[in-house]
PDB file of N, CA and C in Angstrom:
ATOM      1  N   UNK A   1       0.947  -1.155   0.041  1.00  0.00           N
ATOM      2  CA  UNK A   1       0.009  -0.236  -0.109  1.00  0.00           C
ATOM      3  C   UNK A   1       0.909   1.268   0.149  1.00  0.00           C
ATOM      4  N   UNK A   2       0.413   1.938  -0.787  1.00  0.00           N
ATOM      5  CA  UNK A   2       1.441   3.447  -0.635  1.00  0.00           C
ATOM      6  C   UNK A   2       1.437   4.116   0.714  1.00  0.00           C
ATOM      7  N   UNK A   3       2.301   5.381   0.693  1.00  0.00           N
ATOM      8  CA  UNK A   3       2.012   6.151   1.955  1.00  0.00           C
ATOM      9  C   UNK A   3       1.052   7.115   1.836  1.00  0.00           C
ATOM     10  N   UNK A   4       0.628   7.177   2.902  1.00  0.00           N
ATOM     11  CA  UNK A   4      -0.981   8.222   2.880  1.00  0.00           C
ATOM     12  C   UNK A   4       0.240  10.201   2.342  1.00  0.00           C
ATOM     13  N   UNK A   5      -0.269  10.811   1.873  1.00  0.00           N
ATOM     14  CA  UNK A   5      -0.096  12.361   1.550  1.00  0.00           C
ATOM     15  C   UNK A   5      -0.052  13.581   2.357  1.00  0.00           C
ATOM     16  N   UNK A   6      -0.767  12.611   3.502  1.00  0.00           N
ATOM     17  CA  UNK A   6      -0.876  14.186   4.560  1.00  0.00           C
ATOM     18  C   UNK A   6       0.055  14.594   4.996  1.00  0.00           C
ATOM     19  N   UNK A   7       0.425  15.962   5.073  1.00  0.00           N
ATOM     20  CA  UNK A   7       1.174  17.211   5.836  1.00  0.00           C
ATOM     21  C   UNK A   7       0.728  18.017   6.469  1.00  0.00           C
ATOM     22  N   UNK A   8       1.596  18.192   7.405  1.00  0.00           N
ATOM     23  CA  UNK A   8       1.710  19.067   8.007  1.00  0.00           C
ATOM     24  C   UNK A   8       2.794  20.452   8.635  1.00  0.00           C
ATOM     25  N   UNK A   9       2.224  21.672   8.277  1.00  0.00           N
ATOM     26  CA  UNK A   9       3.456  22.623   8.740  1.00  0.00           C
ATOM     27  C   UNK A   9       3.425  22.826  10.149  1.00  0.00           C
ATOM     28  N   UNK A  10       4.899  22.435  10.374  1.00  0.00           N
ATOM     29  CA  UNK A  10       4.451  22.718  12.238  1.00  0.00           C
ATOM     30  C   UNK A  10       5.372  23.606  12.838  1.00  0.00           C
ATOM     31  N   UNK A  11       5.441  24.742  13.266  1.00  0.00           N
ATOM     32  CA  UNK A  11       6.308  25.256  13.797  1.00  0.00           C
ATOM     33  C   UNK A  11       6.879  24.824  15.170  1.00  0.00           C
ATOM     34  N   UNK A  12       7.665  25.355  15.572  1.00  0.00           N
ATOM     35  CA  UNK A  12       8.459  24.809  16.753  1.00  0.00           C
ATOM     36  C   UNK A  12       7.271  25.717  18.189  1.00  0.00           C
ATOM     37  N   UNK A  13       6.790  25.344  19.288  1.00  0.00           N
ATOM     38  CA  UNK A  13       5.837  25.487  19.913  1.00  0.00           C
ATOM     39  C   UNK A  13       6.813  26.580  20.546  1.00  0.00           C
ATOM     40  N   UNK A  14       6.844  27.711  21.114  1.00  0.00           N
ATOM     41  CA  UNK A  14       7.347  28.652  22.080  1.00  0.00           C
ATOM     42  C   UNK A  14       7.903  28.223  22.930  1.00  0.00           C
ATOM     43  N   UNK A  15       7.688  27.416  23.817  1.00  0.00           N
ATOM     44  CA  UNK A  15       8.559  26.919  24.715  1.00  0.00           C
ATOM     45  C   UNK A  15       9.940  26.602  24.193  1.00  0.00           C
ATOM     46  N   UNK A  16       9.811  25.763  23.020  1.00  0.00           N
ATOM     47  CA  UNK A  16      10.851  25.091  22.579  1.00  0.00           C
ATOM     48  C   UNK A  16      11.672  26.456  21.820  1.00  0.00           C
ATOM     49  N   UNK A  17      11.133  27.235  21.279  1.00  0.00           N
ATOM     50  CA  UNK A  17      11.651  28.061  20.111  1.00  0.00           C
ATOM     51  C   UNK A  17      12.436  28.848  21.415  1.00  0.00           C
ATOM     52  N   UNK A  18      12.303  29.673  22.210  1.00  0.00           N
ATOM     53  CA  UNK A  18      13.003  29.951  23.057  1.00  0.00           C
ATOM     54  C   UNK A  18      14.417  29.240  23.713  1.00  0.00           C
ATOM     55  N   UNK A  19      14.358  28.050  23.474  1.00  0.00           N
ATOM     56  CA  UNK A  19      15.881  27.095  23.581  1.00  0.00           C
ATOM     57  C   UNK A  19      16.622  27.719  22.792  1.00  0.00           C
ATOM     58  N   UNK A  20      16.453  27.987  21.412  1.00  0.00           N
ATOM     59  CA  UNK A  20      17.230  28.086  20.150  1.00  0.00           C
ATOM     60  C   UNK A  20      18.503  29.489  20.484  1.00  0.00           C
ATOM     61  N   UNK A  21      19.173  28.937  19.494  1.00  0.00           N
ATOM     62  CA  UNK A  21      20.610  29.837  19.812  1.00  0.00           C
ATOM     63  C   UNK A  21      21.195  30.312  18.680  1.00  0.00           C
ATOM     64  N   UNK A  22      22.232  31.459  18.352  1.00  0.00           N
ATOM     65  CA  UNK A  22      22.635  31.786  17.313  1.00  0.00           C
ATOM     66  C   UNK A  22      22.837  30.419  16.092  1.00  0.00           C
ATOM     67  N   UNK A  23      23.668  29.573  17.143  1.00  0.00           N
ATOM     68  CA  UNK A  23      24.199  28.386  16.360  1.00  0.00           C
ATOM     69  C   UNK A  23      23.268  27.552  15.988  1.00  0.00           C
ATOM     70  N   UNK A  24      22.040  27.098  16.525  1.00  0.00           N
ATOM     71  CA  UNK A  24      21.300  25.970  16.789  1.00  0.00           C
ATOM     72  C   UNK A  24      19.622  26.823  16.859  1.00  0.00           C
ATOM     73  N   UNK A  25      19.285  27.129  15.399  1.00  0.00           N
ATOM     74  CA  UNK A  25      17.703  27.830  15.959  1.00  0.00           C
ATOM     75  C   UNK A  25      16.943  27.202  15.279  1.00  0.00           C
ATOM     76  N   UNK A  26      15.831  27.401  15.849  1.00  0.00           N
ATOM     77  CA  UNK A  26      14.798  26.033  15.916  1.00  0.00           C
ATOM     78  C   UNK A  26      14.009  26.836  14.739  1.00  0.00           C
ATOM     79  N   UNK A  27      13.366  26.053  13.149  1.00  0.00           N
ATOM     80  CA  UNK A  27      12.790  25.976  12.124  1.00  0.00           C
ATOM     81  C   UNK A  27      11.562  25.793  12.247  1.00  0.00           C
ATOM     82  N   UNK A  28      10.565  26.329  11.359  1.00  0.00           N
ATOM     83  CA  UNK A  28       9.799  25.137  11.303  1.00  0.00           C
ATOM     84  C   UNK A  28      10.115  24.327  10.102  1.00  0.00           C
ATOM     85  N   UNK A  29       9.312  23.398  10.110  1.00  0.00           N
ATOM     86  CA  UNK A  29       9.239  22.635   9.335  1.00  0.00           C
ATOM     87  C   UNK A  29       8.209  21.409   8.723  1.00  0.00           C
ATOM     88  N   UNK A  30       8.589  21.301   7.824  1.00  0.00           N
ATOM     89  CA  UNK A  30       6.814  19.756   7.682  1.00  0.00           C
ATOM     90  C   UNK A  30       6.869  18.819   7.906  1.00  0.00           C
ATOM     91  N   UNK A  31       6.090  17.773   8.240  1.00  0.00           N
ATOM     92  CA  UNK A  31       5.877  16.060   8.545  1.00  0.00           C
ATOM     93  C   UNK A  31       4.991  15.531   7.722  1.00  0.00           C
ATOM     94  N   UNK A  32       5.896  14.377   7.328  1.00  0.00           N
ATOM     95  CA  UNK A  32       4.834  13.641   6.410  1.00  0.00           C
ATOM     96  C   UNK A  32       3.837  12.881   7.181  1.00  0.00           C
ATOM     97  N   UNK A  33       2.981  12.081   6.710  1.00  0.00           N
ATOM     98  CA  UNK A  33       1.961  10.662   7.792  1.00  0.00           C
ATOM     99  C   UNK A  33       2.811   9.931   7.085  1.00  0.00           C
ATOM    100  N   UNK A  34       2.915   8.752   8.014  1.00  0.00           N
ATOM    101  CA  UNK A  34       3.869   7.838   8.076  1.00  0.00           C
ATOM    102  C   UNK A  34       2.865   6.615   7.580  1.00  0.00           C
ATOM    103  N   UNK A  35       1.593   6.767   7.480  1.00  0.00           N
ATOM    104  CA  UNK A  35       0.679   5.475   7.900  1.00  0.00           C
ATOM    105  C   UNK A  35       0.200   5.324   6.519  1.00  0.00           C
ATOM    106  N   UNK A  36      -0.748   4.374   5.956  1.00  0.00           N
ATOM    107  CA  UNK A  36      -0.892   3.967   4.571  1.00  0.00           C
ATOM    108  C   UNK A  36      -2.022   4.436   4.333  1.00  0.00           C
ATOM    109  N   UNK A  37      -2.255   4.737   2.755  1.00  0.00           N
ATOM    110  CA  UNK A  37      -2.995   5.138   2.277  1.00  0.00           C
ATOM    111  C   UNK A  37      -4.282   4.858   2.797  1.00  0.00           C
ATOM    112  N   UNK A  38      -5.469   6.229   2.906  1.00  0.00           N
ATOM    113  CA  UNK A  38      -6.805   5.943   2.844  1.00  0.00           C
ATOM    114  C   UNK A  38      -7.092   4.947   4.478  1.00  0.00           C
ATOM    115  N   UNK A  39      -6.147   5.627   5.573  1.00  0.00           N
ATOM    116  CA  UNK A  39      -6.019   5.395   6.874  1.00  0.00           C
ATOM    117  C   UNK A  39      -7.644   5.665   7.616  1.00  0.00           C
ATOM    118  N   UNK A  40      -8.062   7.075   7.033  1.00  0.00           N
ATOM    119  CA  UNK A  40      -8.885   7.659   7.620  1.00  0.00           C
ATOM    120  C   UNK A  40      -8.784   7.911   9.409  1.00  0.00           C
ATOM    121  N   UNK A  41      -9.067   8.994   9.681  1.00  0.00           N
ATOM    122  CA  UNK A  41      -9.141   9.507  10.949  1.00  0.00           C
ATOM    123  C   UNK A  41      -7.949  10.224  11.182  1.00  0.00           C
ATOM    124  N   UNK A  42      -7.135  10.535  12.672  1.00  0.00           N
ATOM    125  CA  UNK A  42      -5.475  10.966  11.979  1.00  0.00           C
ATOM    126  C   UNK A  42      -4.053  11.102  11.624  1.00  0.00           C
ATOM    127  N   UNK A  43      -3.590  11.971  11.156  1.00  0.00           N
ATOM    128  CA  UNK A  43      -2.894  11.333  10.301  1.00  0.00           C
ATOM    129  C   UNK A  43      -1.363  11.672  11.392  1.00  0.00           C
ATOM    130  N   UNK A  44      -0.391  11.145  11.235  1.00  0.00           N
ATOM    131  CA  UNK A  44       0.831  11.087  12.470  1.00  0.00           C
ATOM    132  C   UNK A  44       2.237  10.869  11.872  1.00  0.00           C
ATOM    133  N   UNK A  45       3.098  11.507  12.141  1.00  0.00           N
ATOM    134  CA  UNK A  45       4.487  11.498  11.679  1.00  0.00           C
ATOM    135  C   UNK A  45       5.242  11.421  12.575  1.00  0.00           C
ATOM    136  N   UNK A  46       6.328  10.269  13.282  1.00  0.00           N
ATOM    137  CA  UNK A  46       7.609  10.566  14.468  1.00  0.00           C
ATOM    138  C   UNK A  46       8.432  11.955  14.098  1.00  0.00           C
ATOM    139  N   UNK A  47       8.355  12.503  15.162  1.00  0.00           N
ATOM    140  CA  UNK A  47       9.535  13.328  15.284  1.00  0.00           C
ATOM    141  C   UNK A  47      10.732  13.213  15.852  1.00  0.00           C
ATOM    142  N   UNK A  48      10.702  11.943  16.820  1.00  0.00           N
ATOM    143  CA  UNK A  48      12.204  11.815  17.444  1.00  0.00           C
ATOM    144  C   UNK A  48      11.737  10.433  18.600  1.00  0.00           C
ATOM    145  N   UNK A  49      12.707   9.950  18.504  1.00  0.00           N
ATOM    146  CA  UNK A  49      12.465   8.623  19.492  1.00  0.00           C
ATOM    147  C   UNK A  49      12.114   8.798  20.778  1.00  0.00           C
ATOM    148  N   UNK A  50      11.811   8.288  21.383  1.00  0.00           N
ATOM    149  CA  UNK A  50      11.894   8.184  22.823  1.00  0.00           C
ATOM    150  C   UNK A  50      11.906   6.731  24.017  1.00  0.00           C
ATOM    151  N   UNK A  51      13.681   6.646  23.712  1.00  0.00           N
ATOM    152  CA  UNK A  51      13.883   5.572  24.155  1.00  0.00           C
ATOM    153  C   UNK A  51      13.497   5.503  25.891  1.00  0.00           C
ATOM    154  N   UNK A  52      13.860   6.472  26.476  1.00  0.00           N
ATOM    155  CA  UNK A  52      13.437   5.884  28.052  1.00  0.00           C
ATOM    156  C   UNK A  52      12.215   5.634  28.103  1.00  0.00           C
ATOM    157  N   UNK A  53      11.262   5.582  27.456  1.00  0.00           N
ATOM    158  CA  UNK A  53       9.773   5.258  27.603  1.00  0.00           C
ATOM    159  C   UNK A  53       9.215   4.092  26.055  1.00  0.00           C
ATOM    160  N   UNK A  54      10.354   3.662  25.842  1.00  0.00           N
ATOM    161  CA  UNK A  54       9.739   2.549  24.552  1.00  0.00           C
ATOM    162  C   UNK A  54       9.349   2.792  23.524  1.00  0.00           C
ATOM    163  N   UNK A  55       9.390   4.002  23.126  1.00  0.00           N
ATOM    164  CA  UNK A  55       8.482   4.616  21.757  1.00  0.00           C
ATOM    165  C   UNK A  55       9.189   5.987  20.945  1.00  0.00           C
ATOM    166  N   UNK A  56       7.837   6.674  20.381  1.00  0.00           N
ATOM    167  CA  UNK A  56       8.806   7.717  19.628  1.00  0.00           C
ATOM    168  C   UNK A  56       7.524   9.141  20.304  1.00  0.00           C
ATOM    169  N   UNK A  57       7.995  10.232  19.922  1.00  0.00           N
ATOM    170  CA  UNK A  57       7.120  11.403  19.752  1.00  0.00           C
ATOM    171  C   UNK A  57       6.855  11.422  18.430  1.00  0.00           C
ATOM    172  N   UNK A  58       5.267  11.989  18.543  1.00  0.00           N
ATOM    173  CA  UNK A  58       4.693  11.581  17.418  1.00  0.00           C
ATOM    174  C   UNK A  58       4.071  13.357  17.034  1.00  0.00           C
ATOM    175  N   UNK A  59       3.775  13.936  16.113  1.00  0.00           N
ATOM    176  CA  UNK A  59       3.032  14.840  15.572  1.00  0.00           C
ATOM    177  C   UNK A  59       1.716  14.075  14.774  1.00  0.00           C
ATOM    178  N   UNK A  60       0.807  14.632  15.577  1.00  0.00           N
ATOM    179  CA  UNK A  60      -0.763  13.978  15.385  1.00  0.00           C
ATOM    180  C   UNK A  60      -1.664  15.034  14.959  1.00  0.00           C
ATOM    181  N   UNK A  61      -2.445  15.102  13.795  1.00  0.00           N
ATOM    182  CA  UNK A  61      -3.155  16.075  13.047  1.00  0.00           C
ATOM    183  C   UNK A  61      -3.988  15.314  12.491  1.00  0.00           C
ATOM    184  N   UNK A  62      -5.319  16.358  12.490  1.00  0.00           N
ATOM    185  CA  UNK A  62      -6.807  16.157  11.379  1.00  0.00           C
ATOM    186  C   UNK A  62      -7.057  17.278  11.353  1.00  0.00           C
ATOM    187  N   UNK A  63      -6.925  17.403   9.970  1.00  0.00           N
ATOM    188  CA  UNK A  63      -7.613  19.448  10.055  1.00  0.00           C
ATOM    189  C   UNK A  63      -7.133  20.132  10.296  1.00  0.00           C
ATOM    190  N   UNK A  64      -7.913  21.000  11.172  1.00  0.00           N
ATOM    191  CA  UNK A  64      -6.541  22.321  11.984  1.00  0.00           C
ATOM    192  C   UNK A  64      -6.305  21.859  13.759  1.00  0.00           C
ATOM    193  N   UNK A  65      -6.754  20.482  13.886  1.00  0.00           N
ATOM    194  CA  UNK A  65      -6.035  20.042  15.000  1.00  0.00           C
ATOM    195  C   UNK A  65      -4.936  19.827  15.094  1.00  0.00           C
ATOM    196  N   UNK A  66      -3.858  19.908  15.835  1.00  0.00           N
ATOM    197  CA  UNK A  66      -3.170  19.206  16.067  1.00  0.00           C
ATOM    198  C   UNK A  66      -2.197  19.249  17.035  1.00  0.00           C
ATOM    199  N   UNK A  67      -1.532  17.883  17.707  1.00  0.00           N
ATOM    200  CA  UNK A  67      -0.608  17.628  18.847  1.00  0.00           C
ATOM    201  C   UNK A  67       0.709  16.984  18.517  1.00  0.00           C
ATOM    202  N   UNK A  68       1.198  16.880  19.651  1.00  0.00           N
ATOM    203  CA  UNK A  68       2.333  16.498  19.981  1.00  0.00           C
ATOM    204  C   UNK A  68       1.851  14.714  20.516  1.00  0.00           C
ATOM    205  N   UNK A  69       2.552  13.662  20.483  1.00  0.00           N
ATOM    206  CA  UNK A  69       2.259  12.966  21.648  1.00  0.00           C
ATOM    207  C   UNK A  69       2.946  11.517  21.565  1.00  0.00           C
ATOM    208  N   UNK A  70       3.472  11.245  23.247  1.00  0.00           N
ATOM    209  CA  UNK A  70       4.199  10.237  23.145  1.00  0.00           C
ATOM    210  C   UNK A  70       3.688   9.031  23.058  1.00  0.00           C
ATOM    211  N   UNK A  71       4.242   7.809  21.861  1.00  0.00           N
ATOM    212  CA  UNK A  71       3.356   6.820  21.700  1.00  0.00           C
ATOM    213  C   UNK A  71       4.283   5.570  22.130  1.00  0.00           C
ATOM    214  N   UNK A  72       3.997   4.457  22.446  1.00  0.00           N
ATOM    215  CA  UNK A  72       4.617   3.558  22.270  1.00  0.00           C
ATOM    216  C   UNK A  72       4.933   2.745  20.910  1.00  0.00           C
ATOM    217  N   UNK A  73       6.035   2.131  20.391  1.00  0.00           N
ATOM    218  CA  UNK A  73       6.071   1.318  19.706  1.00  0.00           C
ATOM    219  C   UNK A  73       4.982   0.005  19.355  1.00  0.00           C
ATOM    220  N   UNK A  74       4.694   0.206  18.060  1.00  0.00           N
ATOM    221  CA  UNK A  74       3.693  -0.880  17.510  1.00  0.00           C
ATOM    222  C   UNK A  74       4.747  -2.275  17.933  1.00  0.00           C
ATOM    223  N   UNK A  75       4.291  -3.400  18.509  1.00  0.00           N
ATOM    224  CA  UNK A  75       4.974  -4.395  19.003  1.00  0.00           C
ATOM    225  C   UNK A  75       5.166  -5.368  18.065  1.00  0.00           C
ATOM    226  N   UNK A  76       4.580  -5.330  16.415  1.00  0.00           N
ATOM    227  CA  UNK A  76       4.791  -6.498  15.675  1.00  0.00           C
ATOM    228  C   UNK A  76       6.260  -6.379  15.377  1.00  0.00           C
ATOM    229  N   UNK A  77       6.452  -7.641  14.781  1.00  0.00           N
ATOM    230  CA  UNK A  77       7.551  -7.849  14.114  1.00  0.00           C
ATOM    231  C   UNK A  77       7.321  -8.930  12.940  1.00  0.00           C
ATOM    232  N   UNK A  78       8.142  -8.535  11.582  1.00  0.00           N
ATOM    233  CA  UNK A  78       8.095  -9.688  10.260  1.00  0.00           C
ATOM    234  C   UNK A  78       8.745 -11.248  10.799  1.00  0.00           C
ATOM    235  N   UNK A  79       8.366 -11.683   9.994  1.00  0.00           N
ATOM    236  CA  UNK A  79       9.151 -13.938  10.344  1.00  0.00           C
ATOM    237  C   UNK A  79      10.866 -13.171  10.549  1.00  0.00           C
ATOM    238  N   UNK A  80      11.133 -12.174   9.567  1.00  0.00           N
ATOM    239  CA  UNK A  80      12.742 -11.949  10.259  1.00  0.00           C
ATOM    240  C   UNK A  80      12.946 -11.305  11.339  1.00  0.00           C
ATOM    241  N   UNK A  81      12.251 -11.060  11.807  1.00  0.00           N
ATOM    242  CA  UNK A  81      12.242 -10.029  13.035  1.00  0.00           C
ATOM    243  C   UNK A  81      12.775  -8.745  13.323  1.00  0.00           C
ATOM    244  N   UNK A  82      12.196  -8.208  12.300  1.00  0.00           N
ATOM    245  CA  UNK A  82      12.228  -5.993  12.024  1.00  0.00           C
ATOM    246  C   UNK A  82      11.082  -6.018  12.715  1.00  0.00           C
ATOM    247  N   UNK A  83      10.847  -4.972  13.142  1.00  0.00           N
ATOM    248  CA  UNK A  83      10.081  -4.267  14.044  1.00  0.00           C
ATOM    249  C   UNK A  83       9.200  -2.889  13.370  1.00  0.00           C
ATOM    250  N   UNK A  84       8.135  -2.827  13.130  1.00  0.00           N
ATOM    251  CA  UNK A  84       7.592  -2.201  12.718  1.00  0.00           C
ATOM    252  C   UNK A  84       7.696  -0.916  13.149  1.00  0.00           C
ATOM    253  N   UNK A  85       8.037  -0.054  12.258  1.00  0.00           N
ATOM    254  CA  UNK A  85       7.984   1.496  12.901  1.00  0.00           C
ATOM    255  C   UNK A  85       7.065   2.399  12.750  1.00  0.00           C
ATOM    256  N   UNK A  86       5.892   2.024  13.547  1.00  0.00           N
ATOM    257  CA  UNK A  86       5.010   2.671  13.871  1.00  0.00           C
ATOM    258  C   UNK A  86       4.544   3.044  15.158  1.00  0.00           C
ATOM    259  N   UNK A  87       3.104   3.549  16.073  1.00  0.00           N
ATOM    260  CA  UNK A  87       2.847   3.598  16.962  1.00  0.00           C
ATOM    261  C   UNK A  87       1.999   1.985  17.807  1.00  0.00           C
ATOM    262  N   UNK A  88       2.205   1.889  18.703  1.00  0.00           N
ATOM    263  CA  UNK A  88       1.057   0.793  18.931  1.00  0.00           C
ATOM    264  C   UNK A  88      -0.318   1.001  18.611  1.00  0.00           C
ATOM    265  N   UNK A  89      -1.094   0.252  17.929  1.00  0.00           N
ATOM    266  CA  UNK A  89      -2.197   0.473  17.558  1.00  0.00           C
ATOM    267  C   UNK A  89      -2.671   1.327  16.412  1.00  0.00           C
ATOM    268  N   UNK A  90      -1.827   1.947  15.656  1.00  0.00           N
ATOM    269  CA  UNK A  90      -2.058   2.409  14.593  1.00  0.00           C
ATOM    270  C   UNK A  90      -2.672   1.759  13.361  1.00  0.00           C
ATOM    271  N   UNK A  91      -3.651   2.454  12.805  1.00  0.00           N
ATOM    272  CA  UNK A  91      -4.603   2.031  11.618  1.00  0.00           C
ATOM    273  C   UNK A  91      -3.604   1.564  10.559  1.00  0.00           C
ATOM    274  N   UNK A  92      -4.714   0.976   9.176  1.00  0.00           N
ATOM    275  CA  UNK A  92      -3.775   0.385   8.037  1.00  0.00           C
ATOM    276  C   UNK A  92      -2.403  -0.720   8.649  1.00  0.00           C
ATOM    277  N   UNK A  93      -1.657  -0.643   7.600  1.00  0.00           N
ATOM    278  CA  UNK A  93      -0.414  -1.614   7.563  1.00  0.00           C
ATOM    279  C   UNK A  93       0.368  -1.416   8.112  1.00  0.00           C
ATOM    280  N   UNK A  94       1.459  -2.255   8.550  1.00  0.00           N
ATOM    281  CA  UNK A  94       2.784  -2.180   9.256  1.00  0.00           C
ATOM    282  C   UNK A  94       3.712  -1.214   8.458  1.00  0.00           C
ATOM    283  N   UNK A  95       4.548  -0.772   8.885  1.00  0.00           N
ATOM    284  CA  UNK A  95       5.370   0.076   8.376  1.00  0.00           C
ATOM    285  C   UNK A  95       5.972  -0.912   6.893  1.00  0.00           C
ATOM    286  N   UNK A  96       6.187  -1.611   6.728  1.00  0.00           N
ATOM    287  CA  UNK A  96       7.072  -2.680   5.998  1.00  0.00           C
ATOM    288  C   UNK A  96       5.843  -3.098   5.152  1.00  0.00           C
ATOM    289  N   UNK A  97       4.679  -2.451   5.001  1.00  0.00           N
ATOM    290  CA  UNK A  97       3.949  -2.550   4.081  1.00  0.00           C
ATOM    291  C   UNK A  97       3.319  -1.195   3.303  1.00  0.00           C
ATOM    292  N   UNK A  98       3.945  -0.323   3.802  1.00  0.00           N
ATOM    293  CA  UNK A  98       3.286   1.174   3.266  1.00  0.00           C
ATOM    294  C   UNK A  98       4.813   1.277   2.622  1.00  0.00           C
ATOM    295  N   UNK A  99       4.576   1.769   1.808  1.00  0.00           N
ATOM    296  CA  UNK A  99       5.340   2.214   0.315  1.00  0.00           C
ATOM    297  C   UNK A  99       5.664   3.854   0.003  1.00  0.00           C
ATOM    298  N   UNK A 100       6.631   4.716  -0.186  1.00  0.00           N
ATOM    299  CA  UNK A 100       6.426   5.848  -0.197  1.00  0.00           C
ATOM    300  C   UNK A 100       6.907   5.802  -1.646  1.00  0.00           C
ATOM    301  N   UNK A 101       6.084   5.553  -2.907  1.00  0.00           N
ATOM    302  CA  UNK A 101       6.143   5.879  -3.986  1.00  0.00           C
ATOM    303  C   UNK A 101       7.128   6.512  -4.676  1.00  0.00           C
ATOM    304  N   UNK A 102       7.254   7.587  -4.159  1.00  0.00           N
ATOM    305  CA  UNK A 102       8.843   8.779  -4.252  1.00  0.00           C
ATOM    306  C   UNK A 102      10.205   8.128  -4.020  1.00  0.00           C
ATOM    307  N   UNK A 103      10.049   7.501  -2.842  1.00  0.00           N
ATOM    308  CA  UNK A 103      11.294   6.914  -2.543  1.00  0.00           C
ATOM    309  C   UNK A 103      11.299   5.803  -3.151  1.00  0.00           C
ATOM    310  N   UNK A 104      10.689   5.099  -3.654  1.00  0.00           N
ATOM    311  CA  UNK A 104      10.932   3.953  -4.515  1.00  0.00           C
ATOM    312  C   UNK A 104      10.753   3.907  -5.897  1.00  0.00           C
ATOM    313  N   UNK A 105      10.481   5.288  -5.999  1.00  0.00           N
ATOM    314  CA  UNK A 105      10.930   5.787  -8.011  1.00  0.00           C
ATOM    315  C   UNK A 105      12.214   6.003  -7.611  1.00  0.00           C
ATOM    316  N   UNK A 106      13.116   6.768  -6.717  1.00  0.00           N
ATOM    317  CA  UNK A 106      14.373   7.674  -6.676  1.00  0.00           C
ATOM    318  C   UNK A 106      15.481   6.045  -6.712  1.00  0.00           C
ATOM    319  N   UNK A 107      14.688   5.318  -5.871  1.00  0.00           N
ATOM    320  CA  UNK A 107      15.572   3.719  -5.586  1.00  0.00           C
ATOM    321  C   UNK A 107      15.673   3.365  -6.864  1.00  0.00           C
ATOM    322  N   UNK A 108      14.805   2.767  -7.454  1.00  0.00           N
ATOM    323  CA  UNK A 108      14.515   2.019  -8.490  1.00  0.00           C
ATOM    324  C   UNK A 108      15.643   3.098  -9.537  1.00  0.00           C
ATOM    325  N   UNK A 109      15.660   4.239  -9.712  1.00  0.00           N
ATOM    326  CA  UNK A 109      16.840   4.689 -10.993  1.00  0.00           C
ATOM    327  C   UNK A 109      17.978   4.767 -10.318  1.00  0.00           C
ATOM    328  N   UNK A 110      17.988   4.643  -8.850  1.00  0.00           N
ATOM    329  CA  UNK A 110      19.632   5.157  -8.327  1.00  0.00           C
ATOM    330  C   UNK A 110      20.394   3.215  -8.398  1.00  0.00           C
ATOM    331  N   UNK A 111      19.182   2.660  -8.668  1.00  0.00           N
ATOM    332  CA  UNK A 111      19.595   1.116  -9.060  1.00  0.00           C
ATOM    333  C   UNK A 111      19.738   0.812 -10.423  1.00  0.00           C
ATOM    334  N   UNK A 112      19.199   1.696 -11.661  1.00  0.00           N
ATOM    335  CA  UNK A 112      19.545   1.429 -13.062  1.00  0.00           C
ATOM    336  C   UNK A 112      20.491   2.148 -13.240  1.00  0.00           C
ATOM    337  N   UNK A 113      21.269   3.548 -12.534  1.00  0.00           N
ATOM    338  CA  UNK A 113      21.952   4.211 -12.896  1.00  0.00           C
ATOM    339  C   UNK A 113      23.404   3.530 -12.186  1.00  0.00           C
ATOM    340  N   UNK A 114      23.168   2.551 -11.385  1.00  0.00           N
ATOM    341  CA  UNK A 114      24.649   2.574 -10.474  1.00  0.00           C
ATOM    342  C   UNK A 114      24.348   0.829  -9.700  1.00  0.00           C
ATOM    343  N   UNK A 115      24.194   0.148 -11.130  1.00  0.00           N
ATOM    344  CA  UNK A 115      23.551  -1.021 -10.045  1.00  0.00           C
ATOM    345  C   UNK A 115      25.674  -1.808  -9.577  1.00  0.00           C
ATOM    346  N   UNK A 116      24.982  -2.864  -8.069  1.00  0.00           N
ATOM    347  CA  UNK A 116      25.629  -2.977  -7.406  1.00  0.00           C
ATOM    348  C   UNK A 116      26.636  -4.175  -8.100  1.00  0.00           C
ATOM    349  N   UNK A 117      27.833  -4.037  -8.024  1.00  0.00           N
ATOM    350  CA  UNK A 117      28.794  -5.052  -8.668  1.00  0.00           C
ATOM    351  C   UNK A 117      28.918  -6.684  -8.601  1.00  0.00           C
ATOM    352  N   UNK A 118      27.884  -6.618  -7.241  1.00  0.00           N
ATOM    353  CA  UNK A 118      27.673  -8.277  -6.547  1.00  0.00           C
ATOM    354  C   UNK A 118      26.298  -8.298  -7.219  1.00  0.00           C
ATOM    355  N   UNK A 119      25.151  -7.810  -7.823  1.00  0.00           N
ATOM    356  CA  UNK A 119      24.146  -8.117  -7.759  1.00  0.00           C
ATOM    357  C   UNK A 119      24.181  -8.674  -9.481  1.00  0.00           C
ATOM    358  N   UNK A 120      23.990  -9.523 -10.368  1.00  0.00           N
ATOM    359  CA  UNK A 120      23.400  -9.660 -11.668  1.00  0.00           C
ATOM    360  C   UNK A 120      22.210  -9.216 -12.195  1.00  0.00           C
ATOM    361  N   UNK A 121      22.601  -8.866 -13.022  1.00  0.00           N
ATOM    362  CA  UNK A 121      21.849  -7.902 -13.783  1.00  0.00           C
ATOM    363  C   UNK A 121      20.067  -8.354 -14.185  1.00  0.00           C
ATOM    364  N   UNK A 122      20.012  -9.730 -13.852  1.00  0.00           N
ATOM    365  CA  UNK A 122      18.693 -10.457 -14.181  1.00  0.00           C
ATOM    366  C   UNK A 122      18.231 -10.407 -12.476  1.00  0.00           C
ATOM    367  N   UNK A 123      18.680  -9.905 -11.704  1.00  0.00           N
ATOM    368  CA  UNK A 123      17.705  -9.716 -10.628  1.00  0.00           C
ATOM    369  C   UNK A 123      18.150 -11.060  -9.489  1.00  0.00           C
ATOM    370  N   UNK A 124      18.728 -11.954 -10.034  1.00  0.00           N
ATOM    371  CA  UNK A 124      19.191 -12.907  -9.392  1.00  0.00           C
ATOM    372  C   UNK A 124      20.270 -13.004  -8.256  1.00  0.00           C
ATOM    373  N   UNK A 125      20.122 -13.602  -7.331  1.00  0.00           N
ATOM    374  CA  UNK A 125      21.337 -13.861  -6.847  1.00  0.00           C
ATOM    375  C   UNK A 125      21.764 -12.556  -5.836  1.00  0.00           C
TER     376      UNK A 125
END
């Protein structure tokens, strides 16, 4: 499934912006929704890991409402032991099922332009 195209412009909160220094300014930025398309409801994008609480701080938004939320990681793993990179209880598919079409297009282009010397051109091996 493709990644949601939800986008949030997120200026730093005033209490965080006051911590800025000339060499480390706090700047506004965009947050992309990391959930699968068609998820419905609130969009969400991870901002930073919160290792102390085994989760991350997420920007969550829907229409004009937005908030920051500390959410635990999803406990699901693949058969190979890779963990889901989304929050517990997330809607739609797990992170390994969500594909960013733009990133996939860039990776396909790079593989065509710069094939790995150890990978056969027919895709085998």
